[in-house]
Protein backbone atom coordinates (compact mmCIF):
# COMPACT_ATOMS: atom_id res chain seq x y z
CA MET A 1 -25.20 0.34 -15.11
CA ASN A 2 -25.90 -1.47 -11.84
CA ASN A 3 -23.39 -1.50 -9.01
CA ARG A 4 -22.04 -4.98 -9.66
CA ARG A 5 -21.44 -4.20 -13.32
CA THR A 6 -19.68 -0.99 -12.30
CA VAL A 7 -17.38 -2.92 -9.95
CA ASN A 8 -16.66 -5.56 -12.59
CA ALA A 9 -15.83 -2.87 -15.15
CA LEU A 10 -13.60 -1.09 -12.64
CA LEU A 11 -11.70 -4.24 -11.76
CA GLU A 12 -11.25 -5.09 -15.43
CA GLN A 13 -9.66 -1.70 -16.09
CA ALA A 14 -7.83 -0.97 -12.83
CA GLY A 15 -8.01 -4.01 -10.56
CA ARG A 16 -4.36 -4.28 -9.63
CA THR A 17 -2.90 -3.65 -6.21
CA TYR A 18 -0.09 -1.17 -5.84
CA ALA A 19 2.01 -3.91 -4.27
CA ASP A 20 1.65 -6.04 -7.38
CA GLU A 21 2.57 -3.06 -9.57
CA ALA A 22 5.70 -2.57 -7.45
CA GLY A 23 6.76 -6.19 -7.99
CA ILE A 24 5.85 -7.27 -4.45
CA THR A 25 4.30 -10.74 -4.23
CA LEU A 26 2.36 -10.32 -1.02
CA ALA A 27 2.26 -13.22 1.41
CA ASP A 28 2.16 -13.62 5.17
CA ARG A 29 5.95 -13.70 5.40
CA PRO A 30 8.45 -11.18 6.78
CA ALA A 31 10.08 -10.05 3.51
CA PRO A 32 6.97 -9.13 1.46
CA LEU A 33 5.30 -7.54 4.48
CA TYR A 34 8.38 -5.38 4.96
CA GLN A 35 8.41 -4.45 1.28
CA LEU A 36 4.80 -3.32 1.61
CA LEU A 37 5.73 -1.14 4.58
CA VAL A 38 8.39 0.54 2.44
CA LEU A 39 5.90 1.02 -0.40
CA ALA A 40 3.38 2.58 1.98
CA GLU A 41 5.99 5.04 3.23
CA LEU A 42 7.01 6.00 -0.30
CA MET A 43 3.41 6.46 -1.45
CA SER A 44 2.45 8.67 1.48
CA THR A 45 4.78 11.54 0.56
CA ARG A 46 3.76 14.38 -1.74
CA ILE A 47 4.81 12.63 -4.88
CA SER A 48 2.89 10.79 -7.55
CA ALA A 49 1.84 7.21 -6.90
CA HIS A 50 3.51 6.26 -10.18
CA LEU A 51 6.90 7.52 -9.01
CA ALA A 52 6.49 5.97 -5.56
CA VAL A 53 5.65 2.58 -7.04
CA GLY A 54 8.61 2.87 -9.42
CA ALA A 55 10.97 3.62 -6.55
CA ALA A 56 9.66 0.65 -4.55
CA ARG A 57 10.10 -1.56 -7.60
CA GLU A 58 13.71 -0.40 -7.96
CA LEU A 59 14.45 -1.10 -4.28
CA VAL A 60 13.08 -4.63 -4.66
CA HIS A 61 14.99 -5.14 -7.90
CA ALA A 62 18.22 -3.89 -6.29
CA GLY A 63 17.90 -6.47 -3.52
CA TYR A 64 16.65 -4.28 -0.67
CA ARG A 65 13.90 -6.76 0.15
CA THR A 66 14.45 -7.25 3.88
CA PRO A 67 15.09 -4.99 6.88
CA GLN A 68 18.39 -6.82 7.39
CA ARG A 69 19.57 -5.83 3.91
CA VAL A 70 18.41 -2.22 4.27
CA ALA A 71 19.90 -1.80 7.74
CA ALA A 72 23.25 -3.04 6.43
CA ALA A 73 23.17 -0.77 3.38
CA GLY A 74 25.05 2.48 3.19
CA ARG A 75 22.89 5.58 3.06
CA GLN A 76 24.27 6.54 -0.35
CA GLU A 77 23.45 3.09 -1.73
CA LEU A 78 19.80 3.67 -0.85
CA VAL A 79 19.87 7.20 -2.23
CA ASP A 80 21.26 5.85 -5.51
CA ALA A 81 18.53 3.20 -5.71
CA LEU A 82 15.83 5.78 -5.05
CA ASP A 83 17.32 8.05 -7.70
CA ARG A 84 17.24 5.21 -10.23
CA GLY A 85 13.55 4.88 -9.39
CA ARG A 86 13.19 8.64 -10.03
CA TYR A 87 12.29 9.28 -6.39
CA VAL A 88 14.63 12.24 -6.40
CA ARG A 89 12.82 14.93 -4.44
CA TYR A 90 12.87 13.03 -1.13
CA ASP A 91 15.74 10.64 -1.77
CA GLU A 92 18.08 11.62 1.08
CA SER A 93 15.47 11.97 3.83
CA THR A 94 13.80 8.75 2.69
CA ALA A 95 17.07 6.82 2.71
CA THR A 96 17.64 7.96 6.29
CA ARG A 97 14.13 6.87 7.33
CA LEU A 98 14.45 3.52 5.58
CA ARG A 99 17.56 2.67 7.56
CA ALA A 100 16.03 3.88 10.83
CA ASN A 101 12.84 1.91 10.27
CA ALA A 102 14.72 -1.23 9.32
CA ALA A 103 16.71 -0.99 12.55
CA LEU A 104 13.54 -0.40 14.58
CA LEU A 105 11.76 -3.34 12.95
CA LEU A 106 14.71 -5.62 13.66
CA ASP A 107 15.05 -4.42 17.24
CA ARG A 108 11.38 -4.45 18.24
CA TYR A 109 9.88 -7.20 16.08
CA HIS A 110 12.91 -9.25 14.98
CA GLY A 111 12.25 -8.07 11.41
CA ASP A 112 8.78 -9.61 11.30
CA LEU A 113 5.65 -7.45 11.03
CA ARG A 114 3.53 -10.46 11.95
CA ARG A 115 4.75 -9.81 15.49
CA LEU A 116 3.33 -6.28 15.23
CA ALA A 117 0.00 -7.76 14.12
CA ALA A 118 0.05 -10.12 17.10
CA GLU A 119 0.89 -7.24 19.46
CA SER A 120 -2.14 -5.36 18.11
CA GLY A 121 -4.39 -8.25 19.13
CA HIS A 122 -5.58 -8.24 15.51
CA ASP A 123 -7.38 -4.97 16.19
CA PRO A 124 -7.25 -2.74 13.08
CA VAL A 125 -7.18 0.52 15.04
CA ARG A 126 -4.36 -0.65 17.29
CA CYS A 127 -2.49 -2.06 14.30
CA ALA A 128 -2.64 1.33 12.58
CA GLU A 129 -1.32 2.96 15.75
CA LEU A 130 1.59 0.55 15.99
CA LEU A 131 2.52 1.06 12.35
CA GLN A 132 2.83 4.78 13.05
CA GLN A 133 5.75 4.23 15.40
CA PHE A 134 7.91 3.98 12.26
CA GLU A 135 9.34 7.19 10.84
CA GLY A 136 7.38 8.51 7.88
CA ILE A 137 4.44 6.21 8.61
CA GLY A 138 1.56 8.49 9.49
CA PRO A 139 -2.19 7.86 9.16
CA VAL A 140 -2.04 7.95 5.35
CA ALA A 141 0.78 5.40 5.09
CA ALA A 142 -0.89 3.18 7.68
CA ASP A 143 -4.09 3.26 5.62
CA ILE A 144 -2.15 2.28 2.50
CA PHE A 145 -0.48 -0.64 4.26
CA LEU A 146 -3.69 -1.97 5.80
CA ARG A 147 -5.67 -1.49 2.59
CA GLU A 148 -3.13 -3.47 0.58
CA VAL A 149 -2.53 -6.26 3.13
CA GLN A 150 -6.18 -6.99 3.96
CA ASP A 151 -6.48 -10.10 1.79
CA ILE A 152 -3.42 -11.55 3.56
CA TRP A 153 -4.40 -10.40 7.05
CA THR A 154 -8.05 -11.24 6.57
CA TRP A 155 -8.99 -9.98 10.04
CA LEU A 156 -8.68 -6.49 8.54
CA ARG A 157 -11.40 -7.03 5.95
CA PRO A 158 -13.28 -5.19 4.69
CA ARG A 159 -10.80 -2.30 4.60
CA PHE A 160 -11.99 0.59 2.43
CA ASP A 161 -10.50 3.79 3.82
CA GLU A 162 -11.62 7.34 3.12
CA ARG A 163 -9.61 7.54 -0.11
CA ALA A 164 -11.19 4.35 -1.46
CA ARG A 165 -14.67 5.49 -0.38
CA ARG A 166 -14.11 8.75 -2.21
CA GLY A 167 -13.53 6.73 -5.38
CA ALA A 168 -16.71 4.78 -4.67
CA ARG A 169 -18.68 8.03 -4.45
CA GLN A 170 -17.30 9.13 -7.81
CA LEU A 171 -18.67 5.90 -9.31
CA HIS A 172 -22.02 6.26 -7.50
CA LEU A 173 -21.29 3.12 -5.51
CA PRO A 174 -22.16 2.58 -1.86
CA THR A 175 -19.47 3.74 0.53
CA ASP A 176 -20.16 1.28 3.34
CA PRO A 177 -17.17 -1.11 3.49
CA ARG A 178 -19.35 -4.21 3.89
CA ALA A 179 -21.49 -3.23 0.91
CA LEU A 180 -18.37 -2.77 -1.21
CA ASP A 181 -17.03 -6.13 -0.03
CA GLU A 182 -20.25 -7.80 -1.18
CA LEU A 183 -20.05 -6.19 -4.62
CA GLY A 184 -16.54 -7.45 -5.37
CA PRO A 185 -15.26 -10.99 -5.86
CA ALA A 186 -14.58 -12.86 -2.63
CA GLY A 187 -11.03 -12.51 -1.37
CA HIS A 188 -10.15 -9.54 -3.59
CA ASP A 189 -10.93 -6.54 -1.41
CA ALA A 190 -7.37 -5.20 -1.77
CA GLU A 191 -7.71 -5.11 -5.56
CA LEU A 192 -11.07 -3.35 -5.37
CA ALA A 193 -9.78 -0.84 -2.81
CA ALA A 194 -6.73 -0.06 -4.96
CA ALA A 195 -8.94 0.35 -8.03
CA LEU A 196 -11.19 2.78 -6.16
CA VAL A 197 -8.15 4.79 -5.09
CA ARG A 198 -7.03 4.93 -8.73
CA VAL A 199 -10.39 6.55 -9.57
CA THR A 200 -9.42 9.50 -7.35
CA ILE A 201 -6.08 9.87 -9.15
CA ASP A 202 -6.91 9.17 -12.81
CA HIS A 203 -9.67 11.57 -13.80
CA ASP A 204 -10.35 9.61 -16.99
CA LEU A 205 -11.02 6.36 -15.15
CA ALA A 206 -14.50 7.04 -13.75
CA PRO A 207 -15.94 8.14 -17.12
CA ALA A 208 -14.36 5.09 -18.77
CA VAL A 209 -15.86 2.74 -16.20
CA LEU A 210 -19.27 4.37 -16.32
CA GLY A 211 -19.27 4.65 -20.10
CA THR A 212 -19.67 8.43 -20.01
CA GLY A 213 -16.23 9.37 -21.32
């Protein structure tokens, strides 16, 4: 199987962003960008991606779609929403961080992460640094956010972090971000990056894509 066929097979089987799975319709607007920040925080803890996505979906469903709404919420309300999403292990500490981060986002960026992007000068390294000023957003969470938002903030492309490149190695694909960008359909780097990450999580995926399972 050549590289392009491998990528096409991968996208057919796993080409869905985590934001889409969480019910977040990404766009260059404050609310969906904030929802992605929350998803990135949830996914970066030591818990399965499936549970993290489910918790983010529940928060969106429950109406916690903006930093204004989260900042105004009671801590127990957020704990209850996380529990409904089965994010039980870290529910209380996460609820505390969500409220703190919402307040920080409102205070520093008027609730709009596009202001953070502007402050970074559209430099990916600086943007990652600025994201890490939020509680619970370390290098892993920053990578998740930037990987998922790259088709909206196109100045980030191509964004294939170490986790995505690890998936590429498992599929015998090139690991250079520009080479991966050329193999996938134009404007869908986030979907390809997410699919490559899924390869590192689902041990049955690589054999299925390569036809060796």
